[in-house]
């Protein structure tokens, strides 16, 4: 059996209808929006459960080095943490290649 959710307020003009419609759309979507993309809740949950200290440290490092103003810090951190496991390795590799270009050249010569 389904659940009943009531949106009520005595006062008129407080966006009861808008809230009801948006809530219905969000529940029907059965996903989570991260960086303007909708992902299944199970995928988001599994990615967040895999985060460790190094991922948090990476996100905070990116946040500190960001030169543009972050307008919505919650969305920024959500997207950064969601993407951290897949972007962290290439970020640090680029940092090393920038700081130590001879290491990048040695790796290319080895191939």
Protein backbone atom coordinates (compact mmCIF):
# COMPACT_ATOMS: atom_id res chain seq x y z
CA UNK A 1 0.00 0.00 0.00
CA UNK A 2 1.24 3.50 -0.85
CA UNK A 3 1.99 6.26 1.60
CA UNK A 4 -0.04 9.43 1.94
CA UNK A 5 1.79 12.75 2.25
CA UNK A 6 -0.24 15.83 3.15
CA UNK A 7 0.94 19.35 2.34
CA UNK A 8 -1.18 21.79 4.29
CA UNK A 9 -1.21 25.28 5.70
CA UNK A 10 -4.08 27.52 6.88
CA UNK A 11 -2.75 30.49 4.97
CA UNK A 12 -3.29 30.82 1.27
CA UNK A 13 -0.52 31.57 -1.23
CA UNK A 14 2.26 29.66 0.52
CA UNK A 15 3.06 27.36 -2.44
CA UNK A 16 1.17 24.25 -1.31
CA UNK A 17 0.37 23.24 -4.89
CA UNK A 18 3.88 23.94 -6.13
CA UNK A 19 5.38 21.96 -3.27
CA UNK A 20 3.01 19.04 -3.92
CA UNK A 21 3.86 18.94 -7.63
CA UNK A 22 7.62 19.19 -7.02
CA UNK A 23 7.44 16.51 -4.34
CA UNK A 24 5.51 14.20 -6.66
CA UNK A 25 8.00 14.70 -9.48
CA UNK A 26 10.96 14.09 -7.17
CA UNK A 27 9.44 10.90 -5.75
CA UNK A 28 8.48 9.60 -9.20
CA UNK A 29 11.97 10.24 -10.49
CA UNK A 30 13.42 7.88 -7.85
CA UNK A 31 16.83 9.36 -8.35
CA UNK A 32 19.16 11.95 -7.01
CA UNK A 33 20.29 15.01 -8.94
CA UNK A 34 24.03 15.64 -8.82
CA UNK A 35 25.58 18.26 -11.10
CA UNK A 36 22.40 18.48 -13.21
CA UNK A 37 22.35 14.71 -13.83
CA UNK A 38 19.93 12.25 -12.24
CA UNK A 39 21.49 9.10 -10.80
CA UNK A 40 19.79 6.13 -9.12
CA UNK A 41 19.80 6.45 -5.35
CA UNK A 42 21.52 3.06 -5.00
CA UNK A 43 24.45 4.22 -7.16
CA UNK A 44 24.86 7.47 -5.21
CA UNK A 45 24.72 5.59 -1.91
CA UNK A 46 27.34 3.05 -3.02
CA UNK A 47 29.71 5.78 -4.25
CA UNK A 48 29.42 7.72 -0.99
CA UNK A 49 29.97 4.58 1.11
CA UNK A 50 33.28 4.02 -0.71
CA UNK A 51 34.67 7.44 0.23
CA UNK A 52 37.62 7.52 2.62
CA UNK A 53 39.83 10.17 4.20
CA UNK A 54 41.93 10.70 1.08
CA UNK A 55 38.81 11.50 -0.97
CA UNK A 56 37.70 14.10 1.58
CA UNK A 57 41.20 15.58 1.65
CA UNK A 58 41.20 15.75 -2.18
CA UNK A 59 37.83 17.54 -2.26
CA UNK A 60 38.96 20.05 0.36
CA UNK A 61 42.20 20.63 -1.59
CA UNK A 62 40.17 21.31 -4.75
CA UNK A 63 37.86 23.59 -2.81
CA UNK A 64 40.78 25.62 -1.46
CA UNK A 65 42.42 25.97 -4.88
CA UNK A 66 39.16 26.94 -6.62
CA UNK A 67 39.45 30.52 -7.89
CA UNK A 68 35.79 31.07 -8.80
CA UNK A 69 33.10 31.92 -6.28
CA UNK A 70 31.01 28.92 -5.24
CA UNK A 71 27.38 30.04 -5.15
CA UNK A 72 25.90 26.83 -3.76
CA UNK A 73 28.41 25.10 -1.52
CA UNK A 74 26.12 22.11 -0.85
CA UNK A 75 25.77 21.30 -4.57
CA UNK A 76 29.49 21.87 -5.14
CA UNK A 77 30.53 19.52 -2.35
CA UNK A 78 27.93 16.91 -3.35
CA UNK A 79 29.22 16.84 -6.93
CA UNK A 80 32.87 16.92 -5.85
CA UNK A 81 32.43 14.04 -3.39
CA UNK A 82 30.40 12.02 -5.90
CA UNK A 83 33.14 12.41 -8.53
CA UNK A 84 36.13 12.18 -6.17
CA UNK A 85 36.90 8.45 -6.62
CA UNK A 86 37.03 8.77 -10.40
CA UNK A 87 38.84 12.12 -10.66
CA UNK A 88 41.33 12.04 -7.79
CA UNK A 89 44.00 9.93 -9.51
CA UNK A 90 44.17 12.03 -12.67
CA UNK A 91 44.20 15.26 -10.63
CA UNK A 92 47.24 14.24 -8.58
CA UNK A 93 48.98 12.82 -11.66
CA UNK A 94 48.58 16.19 -13.39
CA UNK A 95 49.92 17.94 -10.27
CA UNK A 96 53.04 15.74 -10.27
CA UNK A 97 53.55 16.20 -14.01
CA UNK A 98 53.33 19.96 -13.52
CA UNK A 99 55.71 20.06 -10.55
CA UNK A 100 58.13 17.44 -11.88
CA UNK A 101 58.02 17.43 -15.68
CA UNK A 102 61.07 15.15 -15.88
CA UNK A 103 58.99 12.39 -14.24
CA UNK A 104 56.38 12.70 -17.00
CA UNK A 105 59.10 12.58 -19.67
CA UNK A 106 60.68 9.49 -18.07
CA UNK A 107 57.30 7.74 -18.07
CA UNK A 108 56.78 8.55 -21.77
CA UNK A 109 60.27 7.32 -22.67
CA UNK A 110 59.64 4.06 -20.81
CA UNK A 111 56.64 3.35 -23.03
